[in-house]
PDB file of N, CA and C in Angstrom:
ATOM      1  N   VAL A   1     -19.098  18.003  -9.626  1.00  0.00           N
ATOM      2  CA  VAL A   1     -17.802  18.503 -10.062  1.00  0.00           C
ATOM      3  C   VAL A   1     -16.688  17.631  -9.496  1.00  0.00           C
ATOM      4  N   LEU A   2     -16.775  17.354  -8.199  1.00  0.00           N
ATOM      5  CA  LEU A   2     -15.731  16.528  -7.578  1.00  0.00           C
ATOM      6  C   LEU A   2     -15.713  15.115  -8.163  1.00  0.00           C
ATOM      7  N   LEU A   3     -16.890  14.564  -8.361  1.00  0.00           N
ATOM      8  CA  LEU A   3     -16.972  13.223  -8.938  1.00  0.00           C
ATOM      9  C   LEU A   3     -16.352  13.200 -10.335  1.00  0.00           C
ATOM     10  N   ASN A   4     -16.621  14.211 -11.137  1.00  0.00           N
ATOM     11  CA  ASN A   4     -16.053  14.291 -12.478  1.00  0.00           C
ATOM     12  C   ASN A   4     -14.524  14.392 -12.426  1.00  0.00           C
ATOM     13  N   LEU A   5     -14.004  15.254 -11.554  1.00  0.00           N
ATOM     14  CA  LEU A   5     -12.553  15.419 -11.460  1.00  0.00           C
ATOM     15  C   LEU A   5     -11.874  14.152 -10.937  1.00  0.00           C
ATOM     16  N   LEU A   6     -12.506  13.499  -9.974  1.00  0.00           N
ATOM     17  CA  LEU A   6     -11.947  12.242  -9.462  1.00  0.00           C
ATOM     18  C   LEU A   6     -11.983  11.153 -10.538  1.00  0.00           C
ATOM     19  N   ASN A   7     -13.081  11.076 -11.258  1.00  0.00           N
ATOM     20  CA  ASN A   7     -13.199  10.099 -12.329  1.00  0.00           C
ATOM     21  C   ASN A   7     -12.103  10.318 -13.382  1.00  0.00           C
ATOM     22  N   ASN A   8     -11.868  11.585 -13.747  1.00  0.00           N
ATOM     23  CA  ASN A   8     -10.817  11.897 -14.712  1.00  0.00           C
ATOM     24  C   ASN A   8      -9.434  11.530 -14.178  1.00  0.00           C
ATOM     25  N   ALA A   9      -9.200  11.782 -12.899  1.00  0.00           N
ATOM     26  CA  ALA A   9      -7.905  11.452 -12.299  1.00  0.00           C
ATOM     27  C   ALA A   9      -7.674   9.937 -12.298  1.00  0.00           C
ATOM     28  N   PHE A  10      -8.699   9.179 -11.931  1.00  0.00           N
ATOM     29  CA  PHE A  10      -8.564   7.720 -11.932  1.00  0.00           C
ATOM     30  C   PHE A  10      -8.382   7.186 -13.358  1.00  0.00           C
ATOM     31  N   TYR A  11      -9.044   7.801 -14.317  1.00  0.00           N
ATOM     32  CA  TYR A  11      -8.863   7.423 -15.722  1.00  0.00           C
ATOM     33  C   TYR A  11      -7.417   7.681 -16.148  1.00  0.00           C
ATOM     34  N   ALA A  12      -6.866   8.823 -15.732  1.00  0.00           N
ATOM     35  CA  ALA A  12      -5.492   9.190 -16.096  1.00  0.00           C
ATOM     36  C   ALA A  12      -4.474   8.205 -15.528  1.00  0.00           C
ATOM     37  N   VAL A  13      -4.603   7.853 -14.264  1.00  0.00           N
ATOM     38  CA  VAL A  13      -3.624   6.930 -13.678  1.00  0.00           C
ATOM     39  C   VAL A  13      -3.805   5.518 -14.217  1.00  0.00           C
ATOM     40  N   SER A  14      -5.038   5.152 -14.526  1.00  0.00           N
ATOM     41  CA  SER A  14      -5.290   3.840 -15.121  1.00  0.00           C
ATOM     42  C   SER A  14      -4.638   3.757 -16.501  1.00  0.00           C
ATOM     43  N   SER A  15      -4.785   4.816 -17.290  1.00  0.00           N
ATOM     44  CA  SER A  15      -4.158   4.852 -18.614  1.00  0.00           C
ATOM     45  C   SER A  15      -2.636   4.817 -18.492  1.00  0.00           C
ATOM     46  N   SER A  16      -2.112   5.517 -17.505  1.00  0.00           N
ATOM     47  CA  SER A  16      -0.660   5.539 -17.297  1.00  0.00           C
ATOM     48  C   SER A  16      -0.130   4.175 -16.875  1.00  0.00           C
ATOM     49  N   MET A  17      -0.918   3.443 -16.105  1.00  0.00           N
ATOM     50  CA  MET A  17      -0.497   2.101 -15.682  1.00  0.00           C
ATOM     51  C   MET A  17      -0.261   1.200 -16.887  1.00  0.00           C
ATOM     52  N   LYS A  18      -1.062   1.385 -17.921  1.00  0.00           N
ATOM     53  CA  LYS A  18      -0.939   0.550 -19.118  1.00  0.00           C
ATOM     54  C   LYS A  18       0.293   0.907 -19.932  1.00  0.00           C
ATOM     55  N   LYS A  19       0.788   2.152 -19.801  1.00  0.00           N
ATOM     56  CA  LYS A  19       1.896   2.628 -20.627  1.00  0.00           C
ATOM     57  C   LYS A  19       3.247   2.603 -19.921  1.00  0.00           C
ATOM     58  N   LYS A  20       3.246   2.803 -18.610  1.00  0.00           N
ATOM     59  CA  LYS A  20       4.505   3.005 -17.886  1.00  0.00           C
ATOM     60  C   LYS A  20       5.103   1.686 -17.401  1.00  0.00           C
ATOM     61  N   GLU A  21       6.316   1.815 -16.910  1.00  0.00           N
ATOM     62  CA  GLU A  21       7.046   0.651 -16.412  1.00  0.00           C
ATOM     63  C   GLU A  21       6.366   0.040 -15.186  1.00  0.00           C
ATOM     64  N   PRO A  22       6.704  -1.194 -14.883  1.00  0.00           N
ATOM     65  CA  PRO A  22       6.046  -1.887 -13.755  1.00  0.00           C
ATOM     66  C   PRO A  22       6.220  -1.188 -12.403  1.00  0.00           C
ATOM     67  N   ALA A  23       7.234  -0.360 -12.260  1.00  0.00           N
ATOM     68  CA  ALA A  23       7.475   0.321 -10.989  1.00  0.00           C
ATOM     69  C   ALA A  23       6.508   1.492 -10.754  1.00  0.00           C
ATOM     70  N   TYR A  24       5.740   1.873 -11.781  1.00  0.00           N
ATOM     71  CA  TYR A  24       4.800   2.992 -11.651  1.00  0.00           C
ATOM     72  C   TYR A  24       3.740   2.671 -10.607  1.00  0.00           C
ATOM     73  N   LYS A  25       3.543   3.594  -9.680  1.00  0.00           N
ATOM     74  CA  LYS A  25       2.525   3.457  -8.637  1.00  0.00           C
ATOM     75  C   LYS A  25       1.494   4.573  -8.821  1.00  0.00           C
ATOM     76  N   PRO A  26       0.275   4.234  -9.255  1.00  0.00           N
ATOM     77  CA  PRO A  26      -0.738   5.273  -9.457  1.00  0.00           C
ATOM     78  C   PRO A  26      -1.095   5.962  -8.144  1.00  0.00           C
ATOM     79  N   LEU A  27      -1.306   7.275  -8.230  1.00  0.00           N
ATOM     80  CA  LEU A  27      -1.611   8.056  -7.033  1.00  0.00           C
ATOM     81  C   LEU A  27      -2.615   9.152  -7.374  1.00  0.00           C
ATOM     82  N   VAL A  28      -3.674   9.225  -6.596  1.00  0.00           N
ATOM     83  CA  VAL A  28      -4.649  10.307  -6.680  1.00  0.00           C
ATOM     84  C   VAL A  28      -4.780  10.879  -5.282  1.00  0.00           C
ATOM     85  N   LYS A  29      -4.632  12.214  -5.173  1.00  0.00           N
ATOM     86  CA  LYS A  29      -4.712  12.889  -3.876  1.00  0.00           C
ATOM     87  C   LYS A  29      -5.804  13.945  -3.908  1.00  0.00           C
ATOM     88  N   VAL A  30      -6.500  14.097  -2.789  1.00  0.00           N
ATOM     89  CA  VAL A  30      -7.454  15.178  -2.601  1.00  0.00           C
ATOM     90  C   VAL A  30      -6.964  16.002  -1.416  1.00  0.00           C
ATOM     91  N   ILE A  31      -6.812  17.300  -1.641  1.00  0.00           N
ATOM     92  CA  ILE A  31      -6.298  18.196  -0.604  1.00  0.00           C
ATOM     93  C   ILE A  31      -7.277  19.350  -0.440  1.00  0.00           C
ATOM     94  N   THR A  32      -7.639  19.647   0.786  1.00  0.00           N
ATOM     95  CA  THR A  32      -8.525  20.783   1.053  1.00  0.00           C
ATOM     96  C   THR A  32      -7.767  21.822   1.867  1.00  0.00           C
ATOM     97  N   LYS A  33      -8.094  23.091   1.623  1.00  0.00           N
ATOM     98  CA  LYS A  33      -7.467  24.188   2.363  1.00  0.00           C
ATOM     99  C   LYS A  33      -8.512  25.239   2.693  1.00  0.00           C
ATOM    100  N   ASN A  34      -8.446  25.746   3.912  1.00  0.00           N
ATOM    101  CA  ASN A  34      -9.280  26.869   4.318  1.00  0.00           C
ATOM    102  C   ASN A  34      -8.503  28.141   4.020  1.00  0.00           C
ATOM    103  N   LEU A  35      -9.016  28.967   3.118  1.00  0.00           N
ATOM    104  CA  LEU A  35      -8.342  30.208   2.726  1.00  0.00           C
ATOM    105  C   LEU A  35      -9.042  31.430   3.333  1.00  0.00           C
ATOM    106  N   ILE A  36      -9.529  31.295   4.535  1.00  0.00           N
ATOM    107  CA  ILE A  36     -10.223  32.313   5.312  1.00  0.00           C
ATOM    108  C   ILE A  36     -11.607  32.631   4.739  1.00  0.00           C
ATOM    109  N   ASP A  37     -11.671  33.253   3.565  1.00  0.00           N
ATOM    110  CA  ASP A  37     -12.972  33.585   2.985  1.00  0.00           C
ATOM    111  C   ASP A  37     -13.335  32.668   1.818  1.00  0.00           C
ATOM    112  N   LYS A  38     -12.483  31.658   1.575  1.00  0.00           N
ATOM    113  CA  LYS A  38     -12.698  30.709   0.478  1.00  0.00           C
ATOM    114  C   LYS A  38     -12.238  29.325   0.923  1.00  0.00           C
ATOM    115  N   VAL A  39     -12.684  28.322   0.185  1.00  0.00           N
ATOM    116  CA  VAL A  39     -12.191  26.967   0.392  1.00  0.00           C
ATOM    117  C   VAL A  39     -11.564  26.517  -0.931  1.00  0.00           C
ATOM    118  N   ALA A  40     -10.434  25.829  -0.824  1.00  0.00           N
ATOM    119  CA  ALA A  40      -9.763  25.292  -2.010  1.00  0.00           C
ATOM    120  C   ALA A  40      -9.755  23.776  -1.906  1.00  0.00           C
ATOM    121  N   ILE A  41     -10.123  23.130  -2.991  1.00  0.00           N
ATOM    122  CA  ILE A  41     -10.108  21.669  -3.069  1.00  0.00           C
ATOM    123  C   ILE A  41      -9.272  21.307  -4.290  1.00  0.00           C
ATOM    124  N   SER A  42      -8.183  20.582  -4.051  1.00  0.00           N
ATOM    125  CA  SER A  42      -7.300  20.170  -5.146  1.00  0.00           C
ATOM    126  C   SER A  42      -7.375  18.667  -5.330  1.00  0.00           C
ATOM    127  N   ILE A  43      -7.427  18.263  -6.585  1.00  0.00           N
ATOM    128  CA  ILE A  43      -7.372  16.845  -6.937  1.00  0.00           C
ATOM    129  C   ILE A  43      -6.157  16.665  -7.828  1.00  0.00           C
ATOM    130  N   GLN A  44      -5.221  15.853  -7.351  1.00  0.00           N
ATOM    131  CA  GLN A  44      -3.950  15.642  -8.045  1.00  0.00           C
ATOM    132  C   GLN A  44      -3.818  14.187  -8.461  1.00  0.00           C
ATOM    133  N   ASP A  45      -3.177  13.980  -9.610  1.00  0.00           N
ATOM    134  CA  ASP A  45      -2.846  12.615 -10.028  1.00  0.00           C
ATOM    135  C   ASP A  45      -1.435  12.601 -10.600  1.00  0.00           C
ATOM    136  N   ASN A  46      -0.858  11.430 -10.650  1.00  0.00           N
ATOM    137  CA  ASN A  46       0.483  11.293 -11.234  1.00  0.00           C
ATOM    138  C   ASN A  46       0.416  10.563 -12.572  1.00  0.00           C
ATOM    139  N   GLY A  47      -0.619  10.877 -13.343  1.00  0.00           N
ATOM    140  CA  GLY A  47      -0.775  10.317 -14.684  1.00  0.00           C
ATOM    141  C   GLY A  47       0.165  10.995 -15.669  1.00  0.00           C
ATOM    142  N   ASP A  48      -0.173  10.928 -16.944  1.00  0.00           N
ATOM    143  CA  ASP A  48       0.695  11.455 -17.997  1.00  0.00           C
ATOM    144  C   ASP A  48       0.678  12.970 -18.123  1.00  0.00           C
ATOM    145  N   GLY A  49      -0.253  13.647 -17.496  1.00  0.00           N
ATOM    146  CA  GLY A  49      -0.330  15.097 -17.613  1.00  0.00           C
ATOM    147  C   GLY A  49      -1.089  15.514 -18.860  1.00  0.00           C
ATOM    148  N   VAL A  50      -1.263  16.819 -18.995  1.00  0.00           N
ATOM    149  CA  VAL A  50      -2.038  17.385 -20.096  1.00  0.00           C
ATOM    150  C   VAL A  50      -1.085  18.139 -21.025  1.00  0.00           C
ATOM    151  N   PRO A  51      -1.065  17.782 -22.305  1.00  0.00           N
ATOM    152  CA  PRO A  51      -0.209  18.498 -23.257  1.00  0.00           C
ATOM    153  C   PRO A  51      -0.636  19.966 -23.379  1.00  0.00           C
ATOM    154  N   PRO A  52       0.314  20.868 -23.674  1.00  0.00           N
ATOM    155  CA  PRO A  52      -0.003  22.299 -23.758  1.00  0.00           C
ATOM    156  C   PRO A  52      -1.135  22.630 -24.734  1.00  0.00           C
ATOM    157  N   ASP A  53      -1.199  21.970 -25.884  1.00  0.00           N
ATOM    158  CA  ASP A  53      -2.261  22.280 -26.856  1.00  0.00           C
ATOM    159  C   ASP A  53      -3.637  21.864 -26.344  1.00  0.00           C
ATOM    160  N   VAL A  54      -3.686  20.876 -25.475  1.00  0.00           N
ATOM    161  CA  VAL A  54      -4.959  20.422 -24.903  1.00  0.00           C
ATOM    162  C   VAL A  54      -5.409  21.361 -23.785  1.00  0.00           C
ATOM    163  N   LYS A  55      -4.460  21.920 -23.035  1.00  0.00           N
ATOM    164  CA  LYS A  55      -4.793  22.837 -21.934  1.00  0.00           C
ATOM    165  C   LYS A  55      -5.676  23.983 -22.410  1.00  0.00           C
ATOM    166  N   GLU A  56      -5.403  24.474 -23.621  1.00  0.00           N
ATOM    167  CA  GLU A  56      -6.150  25.610 -24.163  1.00  0.00           C
ATOM    168  C   GLU A  56      -7.621  25.278 -24.401  1.00  0.00           C
ATOM    169  N   LYS A  57      -7.922  24.000 -24.657  1.00  0.00           N
ATOM    170  CA  LYS A  57      -9.281  23.603 -25.048  1.00  0.00           C
ATOM    171  C   LYS A  57     -10.024  22.807 -23.975  1.00  0.00           C
ATOM    172  N   ILE A  58      -9.369  22.510 -22.877  1.00  0.00           N
ATOM    173  CA  ILE A  58      -9.875  21.501 -21.943  1.00  0.00           C
ATOM    174  C   ILE A  58     -11.252  21.825 -21.338  1.00  0.00           C
ATOM    175  N   PHE A  59     -11.585  23.111 -21.223  1.00  0.00           N
ATOM    176  CA  PHE A  59     -12.882  23.475 -20.637  1.00  0.00           C
ATOM    177  C   PHE A  59     -13.942  23.757 -21.706  1.00  0.00           C
ATOM    178  N   GLN A  60     -13.622  23.542 -22.974  1.00  0.00           N
ATOM    179  CA  GLN A  60     -14.585  23.778 -24.054  1.00  0.00           C
ATOM    180  C   GLN A  60     -15.592  22.627 -24.130  1.00  0.00           C
ATOM    181  N   PRO A  61     -16.863  22.963 -24.376  1.00  0.00           N
ATOM    182  CA  PRO A  61     -17.879  21.908 -24.516  1.00  0.00           C
ATOM    183  C   PRO A  61     -17.536  20.949 -25.662  1.00  0.00           C
ATOM    184  N   PHE A  62     -17.753  19.687 -25.426  1.00  0.00           N
ATOM    185  CA  PHE A  62     -17.577  18.594 -26.381  1.00  0.00           C
ATOM    186  C   PHE A  62     -16.122  18.286 -26.728  1.00  0.00           C
ATOM    187  N   PHE A  63     -15.168  18.897 -26.030  1.00  0.00           N
ATOM    188  CA  PHE A  63     -13.763  18.551 -26.251  1.00  0.00           C
ATOM    189  C   PHE A  63     -13.410  17.390 -25.327  1.00  0.00           C
ATOM    190  N   THR A  64     -12.858  16.333 -25.885  1.00  0.00           N
ATOM    191  CA  THR A  64     -12.442  15.184 -25.090  1.00  0.00           C
ATOM    192  C   THR A  64     -11.161  14.594 -25.656  1.00  0.00           C
ATOM    193  N   THR A  65     -10.385  14.010 -24.775  1.00  0.00           N
ATOM    194  CA  THR A  65      -9.180  13.290 -25.197  1.00  0.00           C
ATOM    195  C   THR A  65      -9.414  11.782 -25.138  1.00  0.00           C
ATOM    196  N   LYS A  66     -10.582  11.396 -24.658  1.00  0.00           N
ATOM    197  CA  LYS A  66     -10.899   9.976 -24.530  1.00  0.00           C
ATOM    198  C   LYS A  66     -11.324   9.404 -25.885  1.00  0.00           C
ATOM    199  N   PRO A  67     -11.148   8.096 -26.056  1.00  0.00           N
ATOM    200  CA  PRO A  67     -11.584   7.468 -27.307  1.00  0.00           C
ATOM    201  C   PRO A  67     -13.096   7.605 -27.502  1.00  0.00           C
ATOM    202  N   THR A  68     -13.526   7.499 -28.750  1.00  0.00           N
ATOM    203  CA  THR A  68     -14.946   7.588 -29.088  1.00  0.00           C
ATOM    204  C   THR A  68     -15.752   6.599 -28.247  1.00  0.00           C
ATOM    205  N   GLY A  69     -16.829   7.097 -27.683  1.00  0.00           N
ATOM    206  CA  GLY A  69     -17.699   6.255 -26.874  1.00  0.00           C
ATOM    207  C   GLY A  69     -17.338   6.242 -25.397  1.00  0.00           C
ATOM    208  N   GLU A  70     -16.190   6.813 -25.020  1.00  0.00           N
ATOM    209  CA  GLU A  70     -15.779   6.800 -23.615  1.00  0.00           C
ATOM    210  C   GLU A  70     -15.956   8.141 -22.921  1.00  0.00           C
ATOM    211  N   GLY A  71     -16.199   9.181 -23.677  1.00  0.00           N
ATOM    212  CA  GLY A  71     -16.377  10.495 -23.070  1.00  0.00           C
ATOM    213  C   GLY A  71     -17.175  11.399 -23.979  1.00  0.00           C
ATOM    214  N   THR A  72     -17.956  12.294 -23.361  1.00  0.00           N
ATOM    215  CA  THR A  72     -18.778  13.207 -24.154  1.00  0.00           C
ATOM    216  C   THR A  72     -18.111  14.556 -24.355  1.00  0.00           C
ATOM    217  N   GLY A  73     -17.117  14.862 -23.535  1.00  0.00           N
ATOM    218  CA  GLY A  73     -16.493  16.172 -23.610  1.00  0.00           C
ATOM    219  C   GLY A  73     -17.293  17.240 -22.880  1.00  0.00           C
ATOM    220  N   LEU A  74     -18.200  16.815 -22.012  1.00  0.00           N
ATOM    221  CA  LEU A  74     -19.018  17.781 -21.286  1.00  0.00           C
ATOM    222  C   LEU A  74     -18.654  17.897 -19.801  1.00  0.00           C
ATOM    223  N   GLY A  75     -17.921  16.943 -19.276  1.00  0.00           N
ATOM    224  CA  GLY A  75     -17.622  16.923 -17.840  1.00  0.00           C
ATOM    225  C   GLY A  75     -16.909  18.166 -17.352  1.00  0.00           C
ATOM    226  N   LEU A  76     -15.786  18.511 -17.968  1.00  0.00           N
ATOM    227  CA  LEU A  76     -15.027  19.671 -17.514  1.00  0.00           C
ATOM    228  C   LEU A  76     -15.714  20.983 -17.883  1.00  0.00           C
ATOM    229  N   SER A  77     -16.409  20.993 -19.003  1.00  0.00           N
ATOM    230  CA  SER A  77     -17.155  22.188 -19.404  1.00  0.00           C
ATOM    231  C   SER A  77     -18.257  22.492 -18.392  1.00  0.00           C
ATOM    232  N   LEU A  78     -19.016  21.480 -18.023  1.00  0.00           N
ATOM    233  CA  LEU A  78     -20.079  21.666 -17.030  1.00  0.00           C
ATOM    234  C   LEU A  78     -19.504  22.003 -15.661  1.00  0.00           C
ATOM    235  N   SER A  79     -18.416  21.343 -15.299  1.00  0.00           N
ATOM    236  CA  SER A  79     -17.761  21.631 -14.018  1.00  0.00           C
ATOM    237  C   SER A  79     -17.318  23.087 -13.962  1.00  0.00           C
ATOM    238  N   PHE A  80     -16.737  23.570 -15.052  1.00  0.00           N
ATOM    239  CA  PHE A  80     -16.294  24.959 -15.148  1.00  0.00           C
ATOM    240  C   PHE A  80     -17.465  25.911 -14.927  1.00  0.00           C
ATOM    241  N   ASP A  81     -18.575  25.652 -15.614  1.00  0.00           N
ATOM    242  CA  ASP A  81     -19.757  26.509 -15.474  1.00  0.00           C
ATOM    243  C   ASP A  81     -20.338  26.462 -14.060  1.00  0.00           C
ATOM    244  N   ILE A  82     -20.377  25.287 -13.475  1.00  0.00           N
ATOM    245  CA  ILE A  82     -20.917  25.148 -12.110  1.00  0.00           C
ATOM    246  C   ILE A  82     -20.078  25.954 -11.120  1.00  0.00           C
ATOM    247  N   ILE A  83     -18.771  25.837 -11.222  1.00  0.00           N
ATOM    248  CA  ILE A  83     -17.889  26.538 -10.283  1.00  0.00           C
ATOM    249  C   ILE A  83     -17.880  28.043 -10.553  1.00  0.00           C
ATOM    250  N   LYS A  84     -17.713  28.437 -11.818  1.00  0.00           N
ATOM    251  CA  LYS A  84     -17.601  29.867 -12.161  1.00  0.00           C
ATOM    252  C   LYS A  84     -18.935  30.600 -12.028  1.00  0.00           C
ATOM    253  N   LYS A  85     -19.971  30.057 -12.647  1.00  0.00           N
ATOM    254  CA  LYS A  85     -21.259  30.754 -12.678  1.00  0.00           C
ATOM    255  C   LYS A  85     -22.122  30.453 -11.456  1.00  0.00           C
ATOM    256  N   GLY A  86     -22.160  29.200 -11.061  1.00  0.00           N
ATOM    257  CA  GLY A  86     -23.027  28.804  -9.957  1.00  0.00           C
ATOM    258  C   GLY A  86     -22.497  29.178  -8.588  1.00  0.00           C
ATOM    259  N   HIS A  87     -21.171  29.167  -8.435  1.00  0.00           N
ATOM    260  CA  HIS A  87     -20.578  29.427  -7.117  1.00  0.00           C
ATOM    261  C   HIS A  87     -19.663  30.639  -7.086  1.00  0.00           C
ATOM    262  N   GLU A  88     -19.538  31.321  -8.235  1.00  0.00           N
ATOM    263  CA  GLU A  88     -18.657  32.492  -8.341  1.00  0.00           C
ATOM    264  C   GLU A  88     -17.245  32.169  -7.867  1.00  0.00           C
ATOM    265  N   GLY A  89     -16.800  30.975  -8.234  1.00  0.00           N
ATOM    266  CA  GLY A  89     -15.478  30.521  -7.844  1.00  0.00           C
ATOM    267  C   GLY A  89     -14.542  30.420  -9.035  1.00  0.00           C
ATOM    268  N   ASP A  90     -13.540  29.592  -8.885  1.00  0.00           N
ATOM    269  CA  ASP A  90     -12.564  29.415  -9.948  1.00  0.00           C
ATOM    270  C   ASP A  90     -12.138  27.954  -9.987  1.00  0.00           C
ATOM    271  N   ILE A  91     -11.757  27.514 -11.167  1.00  0.00           N
ATOM    272  CA  ILE A  91     -11.213  26.173 -11.339  1.00  0.00           C
ATOM    273  C   ILE A  91      -9.925  26.333 -12.140  1.00  0.00           C
ATOM    274  N   ILE A  92      -8.843  25.829 -11.590  1.00  0.00           N
ATOM    275  CA  ILE A  92      -7.508  26.058 -12.141  1.00  0.00           C
ATOM    276  C   ILE A  92      -6.861  24.724 -12.497  1.00  0.00           C
ATOM    277  N   LEU A  93      -6.305  24.665 -13.680  1.00  0.00           N
ATOM    278  CA  LEU A  93      -5.584  23.480 -14.149  1.00  0.00           C
ATOM    279  C   LEU A  93      -4.095  23.751 -14.067  1.00  0.00           C
ATOM    280  N   LYS A  94      -3.385  22.823 -13.446  1.00  0.00           N
ATOM    281  CA  LYS A  94      -1.923  22.869 -13.421  1.00  0.00           C
ATOM    282  C   LYS A  94      -1.458  21.486 -13.845  1.00  0.00           C
ATOM    283  N   SER A  95      -0.662  21.422 -14.899  1.00  0.00           N
ATOM    284  CA  SER A  95      -0.237  20.119 -15.391  1.00  0.00           C
ATOM    285  C   SER A  95       1.080  20.231 -16.134  1.00  0.00           C
ATOM    286  N   ASP A  96       1.948  19.267 -15.895  1.00  0.00           N
ATOM    287  CA  ASP A  96       3.192  19.128 -16.636  1.00  0.00           C
ATOM    288  C   ASP A  96       3.137  17.783 -17.329  1.00  0.00           C
ATOM    289  N   GLN A  97       3.310  17.818 -18.640  1.00  0.00           N
ATOM    290  CA  GLN A  97       3.221  16.574 -19.406  1.00  0.00           C
ATOM    291  C   GLN A  97       4.242  15.572 -18.880  1.00  0.00           C
ATOM    292  N   GLY A  98       3.771  14.372 -18.606  1.00  0.00           N
ATOM    293  CA  GLY A  98       4.618  13.321 -18.072  1.00  0.00           C
ATOM    294  C   GLY A  98       4.730  13.328 -16.558  1.00  0.00           C
ATOM    295  N   GLU A  99       4.206  14.357 -15.905  1.00  0.00           N
ATOM    296  CA  GLU A  99       4.344  14.490 -14.454  1.00  0.00           C
ATOM    297  C   GLU A  99       3.038  14.385 -13.689  1.00  0.00           C
ATOM    298  N   GLY A 100       1.925  14.618 -14.335  1.00  0.00           N
ATOM    299  CA  GLY A 100       0.642  14.562 -13.641  1.00  0.00           C
ATOM    300  C   GLY A 100      -0.153  15.836 -13.793  1.00  0.00           C
ATOM    301  N   THR A 101      -1.308  15.866 -13.133  1.00  0.00           N
ATOM    302  CA  THR A 101      -2.255  16.967 -13.283  1.00  0.00           C
ATOM    303  C   THR A 101      -2.842  17.319 -11.924  1.00  0.00           C
ATOM    304  N   GLU A 102      -3.140  18.603 -11.757  1.00  0.00           N
ATOM    305  CA  GLU A 102      -3.825  19.074 -10.560  1.00  0.00           C
ATOM    306  C   GLU A 102      -4.916  20.053 -10.977  1.00  0.00           C
ATOM    307  N   PHE A 103      -6.133  19.774 -10.556  1.00  0.00           N
ATOM    308  CA  PHE A 103      -7.236  20.709 -10.711  1.00  0.00           C
ATOM    309  C   PHE A 103      -7.535  21.260  -9.323  1.00  0.00           C
ATOM    310  N   THR A 104      -7.596  22.576  -9.209  1.00  0.00           N
ATOM    311  CA  THR A 104      -7.935  23.216  -7.944  1.00  0.00           C
ATOM    312  C   THR A 104      -9.215  24.013  -8.125  1.00  0.00           C
ATOM    313  N   ILE A 105     -10.166  23.740  -7.252  1.00  0.00           N
ATOM    314  CA  ILE A 105     -11.438  24.463  -7.211  1.00  0.00           C
ATOM    315  C   ILE A 105     -11.352  25.429  -6.042  1.00  0.00           C
ATOM    316  N   ILE A 106     -11.684  26.682  -6.303  1.00  0.00           N
ATOM    317  CA  ILE A 106     -11.712  27.680  -5.225  1.00  0.00           C
ATOM    318  C   ILE A 106     -13.125  28.253  -5.187  1.00  0.00           C
ATOM    319  N   ILE A 107     -13.763  28.108  -4.027  1.00  0.00           N
ATOM    320  CA  ILE A 107     -15.141  28.562  -3.863  1.00  0.00           C
ATOM    321  C   ILE A 107     -15.209  29.506  -2.665  1.00  0.00           C
ATOM    322  N   PRO A 108     -15.775  30.699  -2.873  1.00  0.00           N
ATOM    323  CA  PRO A 108     -15.910  31.625  -1.733  1.00  0.00           C
ATOM    324  C   PRO A 108     -16.982  31.163  -0.768  1.00  0.00           C
ATOM    325  N   TYR A 109     -16.758  31.450   0.518  1.00  0.00           N
ATOM    326  CA  TYR A 109     -17.815  31.228   1.500  1.00  0.00           C
ATOM    327  C   TYR A 109     -18.851  32.316   1.298  1.00  0.00           C
ATOM    328  N   LYS A 110     -20.108  31.976   1.466  1.00  0.00           N
ATOM    329  CA  LYS A 110     -21.154  32.999   1.309  1.00  0.00           C
ATOM    330  C   LYS A 110     -21.866  33.198   2.604  1.00  0.00           C
TER     331      LYS A 110
END
C-alpha cells in the first residue's frame, strides 16, 4: 500500500514538473502519527491534485488517470481493500486541484 501511494505521489510530481514553471520544486512528504489506539500514515505531494470528478471514482477497480499502458487502475483499489478489509482501517483522500494530494492511512493497533 505504501509503495503504491509513494509511486503515485512521485508520478504526480514528475508530471507536474513537465507542466509547471521552472520555479516548481517537487515535494513528497511522509508523516506518521501515533493516535493512541491507531497509527496514521500520510503521504503528501505538491502535484496537480485530483479533480472532483476523479475523487468519486479513484478507489474503483480498473479506474486510472494514467495513459494507456502506464497503469492498470488496480493500485488504489487494492490498497483500499487491504486497509479497509485486511486491517479494519481507513484510507482518506484529501486533494485540492492545483495544490496537491494527501492520502492518509489509519490502522488500529491490535
